[in-house]
Amino acid sequence: MASMRWTAWQIPGWHDDAWLREFYRNAFHPELIDDIAGWKPNVTGDSEHGRRLRASLEYLLEQQPADIDTWANITDYYFPSEGELYGFLLQVYDYFYGDREEEPYTPGP
């Protein structure tokens, strides 16, 4: 039996929250990814969007289901490797929900 390819629809909250889908498409878009700090005030509080984003990032970091091609299909941003993709997502998570004070660094595509 062939395995199904992973899609963004498997991200927790993806079905339920259009804002979450827009966050991934916009915050990680190549022209906007270096302005991710602008999203922080909207996602760090106790809002439903903030909780869904946190759960989605935790899922991505724990499962690491996306390859760089699938990620690029979702966001239009190509990371050179999965290691750099998940390293960046960890920086984003730590910046939004952890102790990281400086804005995440994006590796060049």
N, C-alpha and C. Protein backbone atom coordinates (compact mmCIF):
# COMPACT_ATOMS: atom_id res chain seq x y z
N MET A 1 0.84 -1.17 0.00
CA MET A 1 0.00 0.00 0.00
C MET A 1 0.89 1.24 0.00
N ALA A 2 0.63 2.16 -0.89
CA ALA A 2 1.41 3.39 -0.99
C ALA A 2 1.05 4.34 0.15
N SER A 3 2.05 5.00 0.68
CA SER A 3 1.79 5.96 1.74
C SER A 3 1.37 7.29 1.13
N MET A 4 0.53 7.98 1.86
CA MET A 4 0.08 9.28 1.39
C MET A 4 1.16 10.32 1.66
N ARG A 5 1.35 11.21 0.72
CA ARG A 5 2.31 12.29 0.90
C ARG A 5 1.74 13.29 1.91
N TRP A 6 2.60 13.82 2.73
CA TRP A 6 2.19 14.78 3.74
C TRP A 6 1.75 16.06 3.06
N THR A 7 0.70 16.69 3.60
CA THR A 7 0.25 18.00 3.14
C THR A 7 0.02 18.90 4.35
N ALA A 8 -0.09 20.17 4.09
CA ALA A 8 -0.33 21.14 5.17
C ALA A 8 -1.65 20.89 5.87
N TRP A 9 -2.58 20.22 5.22
CA TRP A 9 -3.88 19.95 5.85
C TRP A 9 -3.74 19.06 7.08
N GLN A 10 -2.57 18.48 7.28
CA GLN A 10 -2.33 17.66 8.48
C GLN A 10 -1.82 18.50 9.66
N ILE A 11 -1.54 19.76 9.43
CA ILE A 11 -1.11 20.64 10.52
C ILE A 11 -2.31 20.88 11.44
N PRO A 12 -2.15 20.69 12.74
CA PRO A 12 -3.26 20.96 13.66
C PRO A 12 -3.79 22.38 13.50
N GLY A 13 -5.10 22.50 13.38
CA GLY A 13 -5.75 23.79 13.25
C GLY A 13 -5.89 24.29 11.82
N TRP A 14 -5.23 23.65 10.88
CA TRP A 14 -5.23 24.11 9.49
C TRP A 14 -6.65 24.17 8.92
N HIS A 15 -7.45 23.15 9.19
CA HIS A 15 -8.83 23.11 8.68
C HIS A 15 -9.70 24.20 9.30
N ASP A 16 -9.47 24.47 10.57
CA ASP A 16 -10.37 25.30 11.35
C ASP A 16 -10.08 26.79 11.32
N ASP A 17 -8.88 27.17 10.93
CA ASP A 17 -8.45 28.54 11.15
C ASP A 17 -7.84 29.14 9.88
N ALA A 18 -8.64 29.92 9.17
CA ALA A 18 -8.14 30.57 7.95
C ALA A 18 -6.97 31.50 8.29
N TRP A 19 -7.00 32.10 9.48
CA TRP A 19 -5.91 32.97 9.90
C TRP A 19 -4.60 32.19 9.95
N LEU A 20 -4.63 30.96 10.46
CA LEU A 20 -3.43 30.13 10.54
C LEU A 20 -2.87 29.86 9.15
N ARG A 21 -3.74 29.52 8.22
CA ARG A 21 -3.30 29.28 6.85
C ARG A 21 -2.68 30.54 6.25
N GLU A 22 -3.30 31.67 6.49
CA GLU A 22 -2.75 32.93 5.99
C GLU A 22 -1.42 33.27 6.65
N PHE A 23 -1.30 32.97 7.94
CA PHE A 23 -0.03 33.21 8.63
C PHE A 23 1.10 32.48 7.91
N TYR A 24 0.92 31.20 7.66
CA TYR A 24 1.99 30.43 7.01
C TYR A 24 2.27 30.95 5.61
N ARG A 25 1.26 31.28 4.87
CA ARG A 25 1.46 31.78 3.50
C ARG A 25 2.14 33.15 3.49
N ASN A 26 1.81 33.99 4.45
CA ASN A 26 2.34 35.35 4.46
C ASN A 26 3.61 35.51 5.30
N ALA A 27 3.64 34.99 6.50
CA ALA A 27 4.79 35.19 7.38
C ALA A 27 6.05 34.53 6.82
N PHE A 28 5.88 33.42 6.10
CA PHE A 28 7.03 32.70 5.56
C PHE A 28 7.22 32.95 4.06
N HIS A 29 6.50 33.89 3.50
CA HIS A 29 6.64 34.24 2.09
C HIS A 29 8.02 34.88 1.88
N PRO A 30 8.68 34.62 0.76
CA PRO A 30 10.04 35.15 0.55
C PRO A 30 10.17 36.66 0.72
N GLU A 31 9.16 37.40 0.33
CA GLU A 31 9.24 38.86 0.43
C GLU A 31 8.93 39.37 1.83
N LEU A 32 8.39 38.51 2.69
CA LEU A 32 7.95 38.95 4.02
C LEU A 32 8.63 38.23 5.17
N ILE A 33 9.36 37.16 4.88
CA ILE A 33 9.89 36.29 5.94
C ILE A 33 10.83 37.04 6.89
N ASP A 34 11.53 38.04 6.40
CA ASP A 34 12.45 38.77 7.27
C ASP A 34 11.74 39.80 8.14
N ASP A 35 10.43 39.89 8.02
CA ASP A 35 9.64 40.79 8.87
C ASP A 35 8.77 40.01 9.85
N ILE A 36 9.20 38.83 10.23
CA ILE A 36 8.38 37.97 11.08
C ILE A 36 8.14 38.59 12.45
N ALA A 37 8.98 39.51 12.86
CA ALA A 37 8.79 40.17 14.16
C ALA A 37 7.46 40.91 14.22
N GLY A 38 6.97 41.37 13.09
CA GLY A 38 5.69 42.07 13.06
C GLY A 38 4.51 41.21 13.47
N TRP A 39 4.67 39.90 13.39
CA TRP A 39 3.59 38.98 13.77
C TRP A 39 3.56 38.71 15.27
N LYS A 40 4.67 38.94 15.94
CA LYS A 40 4.79 38.54 17.34
C LYS A 40 3.68 39.08 18.25
N PRO A 41 3.33 40.35 18.17
CA PRO A 41 2.27 40.84 19.08
C PRO A 41 0.93 40.11 18.91
N ASN A 42 0.68 39.60 17.72
CA ASN A 42 -0.60 38.94 17.45
C ASN A 42 -0.64 37.47 17.83
N VAL A 43 0.51 36.89 18.14
CA VAL A 43 0.54 35.44 18.37
C VAL A 43 1.04 35.03 19.75
N THR A 44 1.50 35.97 20.53
CA THR A 44 2.09 35.58 21.81
C THR A 44 1.11 35.64 22.97
N GLY A 45 -0.03 36.23 22.78
CA GLY A 45 -1.01 36.29 23.86
C GLY A 45 -1.78 35.00 23.99
N ASP A 46 -2.85 35.06 24.71
CA ASP A 46 -3.67 33.87 24.94
C ASP A 46 -4.85 33.80 23.97
N SER A 47 -4.64 34.25 22.75
CA SER A 47 -5.71 34.21 21.75
C SER A 47 -5.82 32.80 21.17
N GLU A 48 -6.94 32.52 20.58
CA GLU A 48 -7.13 31.23 19.90
C GLU A 48 -6.12 31.07 18.77
N HIS A 49 -5.87 32.15 18.03
CA HIS A 49 -4.88 32.09 16.95
C HIS A 49 -3.50 31.77 17.50
N GLY A 50 -3.13 32.41 18.58
CA GLY A 50 -1.83 32.15 19.19
C GLY A 50 -1.69 30.72 19.65
N ARG A 51 -2.74 30.19 20.25
CA ARG A 51 -2.70 28.78 20.70
C ARG A 51 -2.60 27.83 19.51
N ARG A 52 -3.34 28.12 18.45
CA ARG A 52 -3.27 27.25 17.26
C ARG A 52 -1.91 27.33 16.58
N LEU A 53 -1.36 28.54 16.50
CA LEU A 53 -0.04 28.66 15.89
C LEU A 53 0.99 27.90 16.71
N ARG A 54 0.93 28.06 18.01
CA ARG A 54 1.89 27.35 18.87
C ARG A 54 1.77 25.84 18.68
N ALA A 55 0.55 25.32 18.68
CA ALA A 55 0.34 23.88 18.48
C ALA A 55 0.84 23.44 17.11
N SER A 56 0.63 24.27 16.11
CA SER A 56 1.07 23.89 14.76
C SER A 56 2.60 23.87 14.67
N LEU A 57 3.26 24.84 15.28
CA LEU A 57 4.72 24.85 15.28
C LEU A 57 5.28 23.68 16.08
N GLU A 58 4.65 23.36 17.21
CA GLU A 58 5.10 22.21 18.00
C GLU A 58 4.97 20.92 17.20
N TYR A 59 3.85 20.78 16.49
CA TYR A 59 3.65 19.61 15.64
C TYR A 59 4.75 19.53 14.57
N LEU A 60 4.99 20.64 13.88
CA LEU A 60 6.01 20.64 12.82
C LEU A 60 7.39 20.30 13.37
N LEU A 61 7.72 20.86 14.52
CA LEU A 61 9.04 20.61 15.10
C LEU A 61 9.18 19.19 15.62
N GLU A 62 8.12 18.63 16.19
CA GLU A 62 8.19 17.26 16.71
C GLU A 62 8.17 16.22 15.60
N GLN A 63 7.31 16.40 14.62
CA GLN A 63 7.12 15.40 13.57
C GLN A 63 8.04 15.61 12.36
N GLN A 64 8.42 16.84 12.09
CA GLN A 64 9.22 17.22 10.93
C GLN A 64 8.71 16.54 9.65
N PRO A 65 7.42 16.74 9.35
CA PRO A 65 6.81 16.02 8.23
C PRO A 65 7.03 16.64 6.86
N ALA A 66 7.34 17.92 6.80
CA ALA A 66 7.44 18.62 5.51
C ALA A 66 8.85 18.52 4.94
N ASP A 67 8.94 18.23 3.66
CA ASP A 67 10.22 18.36 2.98
C ASP A 67 10.29 19.77 2.39
N ILE A 68 11.43 20.12 1.84
CA ILE A 68 11.59 21.50 1.38
C ILE A 68 10.67 21.82 0.20
N ASP A 69 10.35 20.84 -0.63
CA ASP A 69 9.45 21.09 -1.75
C ASP A 69 8.02 21.34 -1.27
N THR A 70 7.57 20.54 -0.33
CA THR A 70 6.22 20.73 0.21
C THR A 70 6.13 22.07 0.92
N TRP A 71 7.16 22.41 1.69
CA TRP A 71 7.17 23.71 2.38
C TRP A 71 7.10 24.85 1.37
N ALA A 72 7.83 24.73 0.29
CA ALA A 72 7.81 25.78 -0.74
C ALA A 72 6.44 25.88 -1.40
N ASN A 73 5.74 24.76 -1.53
CA ASN A 73 4.39 24.80 -2.09
C ASN A 73 3.43 25.55 -1.17
N ILE A 74 3.67 25.47 0.13
CA ILE A 74 2.81 26.14 1.11
C ILE A 74 3.15 27.64 1.19
N THR A 75 4.43 27.96 1.19
CA THR A 75 4.86 29.32 1.53
C THR A 75 5.58 30.08 0.41
N ASP A 76 6.01 29.41 -0.63
CA ASP A 76 6.84 29.96 -1.71
C ASP A 76 8.28 30.20 -1.27
N TYR A 77 8.65 29.79 -0.07
CA TYR A 77 10.03 29.97 0.40
C TYR A 77 10.76 28.64 0.34
N TYR A 78 11.85 28.61 -0.40
CA TYR A 78 12.68 27.40 -0.51
C TYR A 78 13.83 27.48 0.48
N PHE A 79 13.87 26.55 1.40
CA PHE A 79 15.03 26.40 2.26
C PHE A 79 16.01 25.46 1.57
N PRO A 80 17.31 25.66 1.77
CA PRO A 80 18.29 24.79 1.12
C PRO A 80 18.22 23.33 1.59
N SER A 81 17.74 23.11 2.81
CA SER A 81 17.67 21.74 3.35
C SER A 81 16.59 21.68 4.42
N GLU A 82 16.16 20.45 4.74
CA GLU A 82 15.20 20.30 5.82
C GLU A 82 15.79 20.75 7.15
N GLY A 83 17.08 20.53 7.35
CA GLY A 83 17.72 20.97 8.58
C GLY A 83 17.61 22.47 8.78
N GLU A 84 17.79 23.23 7.70
CA GLU A 84 17.66 24.68 7.80
C GLU A 84 16.21 25.10 7.98
N LEU A 85 15.29 24.39 7.34
CA LEU A 85 13.86 24.66 7.52
C LEU A 85 13.47 24.50 8.98
N TYR A 86 13.78 23.34 9.56
CA TYR A 86 13.37 23.09 10.94
C TYR A 86 14.19 23.89 11.94
N GLY A 87 15.43 24.22 11.59
CA GLY A 87 16.21 25.11 12.43
C GLY A 87 15.58 26.50 12.50
N PHE A 88 15.10 26.98 11.35
CA PHE A 88 14.43 28.27 11.32
C PHE A 88 13.11 28.22 12.09
N LEU A 89 12.33 27.15 11.90
CA LEU A 89 11.06 27.04 12.64
C LEU A 89 11.30 27.00 14.14
N LEU A 90 12.39 26.36 14.57
CA LEU A 90 12.72 26.35 15.99
C LEU A 90 13.05 27.77 16.47
N GLN A 91 13.77 28.54 15.65
CA GLN A 91 14.05 29.93 16.01
C GLN A 91 12.75 30.73 16.13
N VAL A 92 11.82 30.52 15.19
CA VAL A 92 10.54 31.22 15.23
C VAL A 92 9.78 30.84 16.50
N TYR A 93 9.74 29.56 16.80
CA TYR A 93 9.03 29.10 18.00
C TYR A 93 9.65 29.73 19.25
N ASP A 94 10.97 29.69 19.35
CA ASP A 94 11.64 30.26 20.52
C ASP A 94 11.46 31.78 20.60
N TYR A 95 11.36 32.43 19.45
CA TYR A 95 11.14 33.88 19.43
C TYR A 95 9.72 34.22 19.88
N PHE A 96 8.74 33.47 19.42
CA PHE A 96 7.35 33.73 19.80
C PHE A 96 7.02 33.23 21.20
N TYR A 97 7.53 32.05 21.57
CA TYR A 97 7.05 31.40 22.79
C TYR A 97 8.15 31.06 23.80
N GLY A 98 9.38 31.31 23.45
CA GLY A 98 10.48 30.99 24.35
C GLY A 98 11.25 32.22 24.79
N ASP A 99 12.54 32.05 24.99
CA ASP A 99 13.40 33.11 25.52
C ASP A 99 14.17 33.89 24.46
N ARG A 100 14.02 33.52 23.20
CA ARG A 100 14.78 34.19 22.15
C ARG A 100 14.33 35.65 22.01
N GLU A 101 15.26 36.57 22.10
CA GLU A 101 14.93 37.99 22.00
C GLU A 101 15.14 38.54 20.60
N GLU A 102 16.14 38.00 19.89
CA GLU A 102 16.41 38.52 18.56
C GLU A 102 15.53 37.81 17.52
N GLU A 103 15.18 38.56 16.51
CA GLU A 103 14.35 38.03 15.42
C GLU A 103 15.08 36.85 14.76
N PRO A 104 14.34 35.85 14.33
CA PRO A 104 14.96 34.68 13.70
C PRO A 104 15.74 35.04 12.44
N TYR A 105 16.82 34.31 12.23
CA TYR A 105 17.68 34.48 11.06
C TYR A 105 17.19 33.56 9.96
N THR A 106 17.02 34.09 8.74
CA THR A 106 16.62 33.25 7.61
C THR A 106 17.83 32.94 6.76
N PRO A 107 18.07 31.65 6.54
CA PRO A 107 19.15 31.29 5.61
C PRO A 107 18.73 31.65 4.19
N GLY A 108 19.67 31.92 3.35
CA GLY A 108 19.36 32.26 1.96
C GLY A 108 18.79 31.08 1.22
N PRO A 109 17.88 31.33 0.28
CA PRO A 109 17.31 30.23 -0.51
C PRO A 109 18.31 29.65 -1.48
